[in-house]
């Protein structure tokens, strides 16, 4: 992708450090629940969902994002749930198609009924 995606800054602009376990989505990740943030280049970065305020730590440094939300991953990189729920970035459901496309470019398989739109 050569064209940059439009972004918005986090509502919590504190310059958190990037979490040590944050990484680009890949099919070798284990099954589980993850949060994601898509950067301006279209890459979806993920972090296992744990307790805490995590979305601003996926990219860190108060970095703007093109999309953010959560996903549930099954074995083999199959995404069975994909949402746009993030209190830090608060994107609408219109970002879900671009995230789906990016995850597929990164090797994931998004189940047909995976999208769970959330209105902030």
C-alpha atoms as a PDB file:
ATOM      1  CA  UNK A   1       0.000   0.000   0.000  1.00  0.00           C
ATOM      2  CA  UNK A   2       1.578   3.278  -1.064  1.00  0.00           C
ATOM      3  CA  UNK A   3      -1.204   5.690  -0.154  1.00  0.00           C
ATOM      4  CA  UNK A   4      -1.465   6.588   3.526  1.00  0.00           C
ATOM      5  CA  UNK A   5      -4.796   6.018   5.276  1.00  0.00           C
ATOM      6  CA  UNK A   6      -6.487   8.909   7.084  1.00  0.00           C
ATOM      7  CA  UNK A   7      -5.848   8.760  10.822  1.00  0.00           C
ATOM      8  CA  UNK A   8      -7.014  10.318  14.052  1.00  0.00           C
ATOM      9  CA  UNK A   9      -5.102  10.844  17.287  1.00  0.00           C
ATOM     10  CA  UNK A  10      -6.050   8.902  20.412  1.00  0.00           C
ATOM     11  CA  UNK A  11      -8.488  10.677  22.732  1.00  0.00           C
ATOM     12  CA  UNK A  12      -5.997   9.870  25.493  1.00  0.00           C
ATOM     13  CA  UNK A  13      -2.941  11.563  23.995  1.00  0.00           C
ATOM     14  CA  UNK A  14      -0.545  10.546  26.787  1.00  0.00           C
ATOM     15  CA  UNK A  15       2.604   9.224  25.058  1.00  0.00           C
ATOM     16  CA  UNK A  16       2.395   5.640  26.381  1.00  0.00           C
ATOM     17  CA  UNK A  17       5.252   3.349  25.502  1.00  0.00           C
ATOM     18  CA  UNK A  18       4.490   0.696  22.906  1.00  0.00           C
ATOM     19  CA  UNK A  19       3.618  -2.557  24.679  1.00  0.00           C
ATOM     20  CA  UNK A  20       6.417  -5.133  24.384  1.00  0.00           C
ATOM     21  CA  UNK A  21       3.987  -7.764  23.022  1.00  0.00           C
ATOM     22  CA  UNK A  22       2.403  -5.541  20.350  1.00  0.00           C
ATOM     23  CA  UNK A  23       3.095  -6.884  16.849  1.00  0.00           C
ATOM     24  CA  UNK A  24       1.678  -6.927  13.343  1.00  0.00           C
ATOM     25  CA  UNK A  25      -1.105  -9.484  12.875  1.00  0.00           C
ATOM     26  CA  UNK A  26       0.177 -12.824  11.572  1.00  0.00           C
ATOM     27  CA  UNK A  27      -1.290 -16.297  11.222  1.00  0.00           C
ATOM     28  CA  UNK A  28       1.173 -17.806  13.708  1.00  0.00           C
ATOM     29  CA  UNK A  29      -0.601 -16.064  16.601  1.00  0.00           C
ATOM     30  CA  UNK A  30      -2.437 -18.377  18.948  1.00  0.00           C
ATOM     31  CA  UNK A  31      -6.201 -18.489  19.301  1.00  0.00           C
ATOM     32  CA  UNK A  32      -7.616 -15.875  21.645  1.00  0.00           C
ATOM     33  CA  UNK A  33      -9.072 -12.419  22.034  1.00  0.00           C
ATOM     34  CA  UNK A  34      -6.981  -9.502  20.775  1.00  0.00           C
ATOM     35  CA  UNK A  35      -7.243  -5.774  20.377  1.00  0.00           C
ATOM     36  CA  UNK A  36      -5.967  -4.158  17.212  1.00  0.00           C
ATOM     37  CA  UNK A  37      -4.877  -0.780  15.897  1.00  0.00           C
ATOM     38  CA  UNK A  38      -4.324  -0.127  12.194  1.00  0.00           C
ATOM     39  CA  UNK A  39      -1.519   2.279  11.329  1.00  0.00           C
ATOM     40  CA  UNK A  40      -1.447   4.850   8.515  1.00  0.00           C
ATOM     41  CA  UNK A  41       0.264   2.324   6.226  1.00  0.00           C
ATOM     42  CA  UNK A  42      -2.631  -0.129   6.597  1.00  0.00           C
ATOM     43  CA  UNK A  43      -0.816  -2.617   8.842  1.00  0.00           C
ATOM     44  CA  UNK A  44      -2.973  -4.094  11.598  1.00  0.00           C
ATOM     45  CA  UNK A  45      -1.053  -4.396  14.877  1.00  0.00           C
ATOM     46  CA  UNK A  46      -2.423  -6.600  17.656  1.00  0.00           C
ATOM     47  CA  UNK A  47      -2.053  -7.251  21.350  1.00  0.00           C
ATOM     48  CA  UNK A  48      -3.652  -9.994  23.439  1.00  0.00           C
ATOM     49  CA  UNK A  49      -6.655  -8.621  25.346  1.00  0.00           C
ATOM     50  CA  UNK A  50      -5.863  -8.370  29.026  1.00  0.00           C
ATOM     51  CA  UNK A  51      -7.053  -6.005  31.684  1.00  0.00           C
ATOM     52  CA  UNK A  52      -6.091  -2.402  31.295  1.00  0.00           C
ATOM     53  CA  UNK A  53      -6.122   0.529  28.934  1.00  0.00           C
ATOM     54  CA  UNK A  54      -4.377  -1.077  25.949  1.00  0.00           C
ATOM     55  CA  UNK A  55      -5.343   0.563  22.623  1.00  0.00           C
ATOM     56  CA  UNK A  56      -2.960   3.541  23.052  1.00  0.00           C
ATOM     57  CA  UNK A  57      -0.128   1.094  23.835  1.00  0.00           C
ATOM     58  CA  UNK A  58      -0.459  -0.934  20.629  1.00  0.00           C
ATOM     59  CA  UNK A  59       1.403   1.688  18.568  1.00  0.00           C
ATOM     60  CA  UNK A  60       2.528   3.791  21.528  1.00  0.00           C
ATOM     61  CA  UNK A  61       3.723   7.363  21.703  1.00  0.00           C
ATOM     62  CA  UNK A  62       0.304   8.940  21.094  1.00  0.00           C
ATOM     63  CA  UNK A  63       0.495   7.724  17.484  1.00  0.00           C
ATOM     64  CA  UNK A  64      -2.623   8.396  15.386  1.00  0.00           C
ATOM     65  CA  UNK A  65      -4.497   5.369  14.018  1.00  0.00           C
ATOM     66  CA  UNK A  66      -6.563   4.544  10.941  1.00  0.00           C
ATOM     67  CA  UNK A  67      -8.746   2.020  12.799  1.00  0.00           C
ATOM     68  CA  UNK A  68      -9.014   0.275  16.165  1.00  0.00           C
ATOM     69  CA  UNK A  69     -11.102  -2.407  17.815  1.00  0.00           C
ATOM     70  CA  UNK A  70     -11.071  -6.014  18.876  1.00  0.00           C
ATOM     71  CA  UNK A  71     -11.062  -9.483  17.365  1.00  0.00           C
ATOM     72  CA  UNK A  72     -11.424 -13.108  18.288  1.00  0.00           C
ATOM     73  CA  UNK A  73      -8.980 -15.423  16.577  1.00  0.00           C
ATOM     74  CA  UNK A  74      -9.220 -19.179  16.110  1.00  0.00           C
ATOM     75  CA  UNK A  75      -6.458 -21.559  15.047  1.00  0.00           C
ATOM     76  CA  UNK A  76      -4.887 -21.000  11.637  1.00  0.00           C
ATOM     77  CA  UNK A  77      -5.458 -17.253  11.593  1.00  0.00           C
ATOM     78  CA  UNK A  78      -9.260 -17.440  11.259  1.00  0.00           C
ATOM     79  CA  UNK A  79     -10.906 -14.286  12.621  1.00  0.00           C
ATOM     80  CA  UNK A  80     -14.402 -15.180  13.855  1.00  0.00           C
ATOM     81  CA  UNK A  81     -15.234 -11.815  15.452  1.00  0.00           C
ATOM     82  CA  UNK A  82     -14.108  -8.344  14.377  1.00  0.00           C
ATOM     83  CA  UNK A  83     -15.361  -5.113  15.931  1.00  0.00           C
ATOM     84  CA  UNK A  84     -14.578  -1.409  16.066  1.00  0.00           C
ATOM     85  CA  UNK A  85     -14.887  -1.050  19.857  1.00  0.00           C
ATOM     86  CA  UNK A  86     -12.205   1.282  21.226  1.00  0.00           C
ATOM     87  CA  UNK A  87     -12.773   4.023  23.769  1.00  0.00           C
ATOM     88  CA  UNK A  88      -9.354   5.438  22.866  1.00  0.00           C
ATOM     89  CA  UNK A  89     -10.016   5.985  19.148  1.00  0.00           C
ATOM     90  CA  UNK A  90     -13.811   5.614  18.747  1.00  0.00           C
ATOM     91  CA  UNK A  91     -13.997   4.815  15.037  1.00  0.00           C
ATOM     92  CA  UNK A  92     -17.370   3.999  13.525  1.00  0.00           C
ATOM     93  CA  UNK A  93     -18.238   0.715  11.822  1.00  0.00           C
ATOM     94  CA  UNK A  94     -17.237   2.169   8.438  1.00  0.00           C
ATOM     95  CA  UNK A  95     -13.626   1.138   9.191  1.00  0.00           C
ATOM     96  CA  UNK A  96     -14.439  -2.594   9.309  1.00  0.00           C
ATOM     97  CA  UNK A  97     -14.092  -3.259   5.530  1.00  0.00           C
ATOM     98  CA  UNK A  98     -10.602  -1.688   5.423  1.00  0.00           C
ATOM     99  CA  UNK A  99      -9.543  -3.706   8.488  1.00  0.00           C
ATOM    100  CA  UNK A 100     -10.935  -6.929   6.968  1.00  0.00           C
ATOM    101  CA  UNK A 101      -8.997  -6.261   3.761  1.00  0.00           C
ATOM    102  CA  UNK A 102      -5.776  -5.529   5.662  1.00  0.00           C
ATOM    103  CA  UNK A 103      -6.080  -8.668   7.797  1.00  0.00           C
ATOM    104  CA  UNK A 104      -6.550 -10.734   4.643  1.00  0.00           C
ATOM    105  CA  UNK A 105      -3.470  -9.094   3.068  1.00  0.00           C
ATOM    106  CA  UNK A 106      -1.588 -10.053   6.219  1.00  0.00           C
ATOM    107  CA  UNK A 107      -2.622 -13.705   5.757  1.00  0.00           C
ATOM    108  CA  UNK A 108      -5.733 -13.892   7.926  1.00  0.00           C
ATOM    109  CA  UNK A 109      -9.045 -15.422   6.994  1.00  0.00           C
ATOM    110  CA  UNK A 110     -12.017 -13.331   8.152  1.00  0.00           C
ATOM    111  CA  UNK A 111     -15.179 -15.401   8.583  1.00  0.00           C
ATOM    112  CA  UNK A 112     -18.131 -14.061   6.516  1.00  0.00           C
ATOM    113  CA  UNK A 113     -20.211 -13.118   9.583  1.00  0.00           C
ATOM    114  CA  UNK A 114     -17.293 -11.950  11.733  1.00  0.00           C
ATOM    115  CA  UNK A 115     -18.050  -8.208  11.739  1.00  0.00           C
ATOM    116  CA  UNK A 116     -19.662  -6.902  14.936  1.00  0.00           C
ATOM    117  CA  UNK A 117     -20.274  -3.172  14.320  1.00  0.00           C
ATOM    118  CA  UNK A 118     -20.351  -0.921  17.363  1.00  0.00           C
ATOM    119  CA  UNK A 119     -21.766   2.627  17.414  1.00  0.00           C
ATOM    120  CA  UNK A 120     -19.962   4.913  19.867  1.00  0.00           C
END
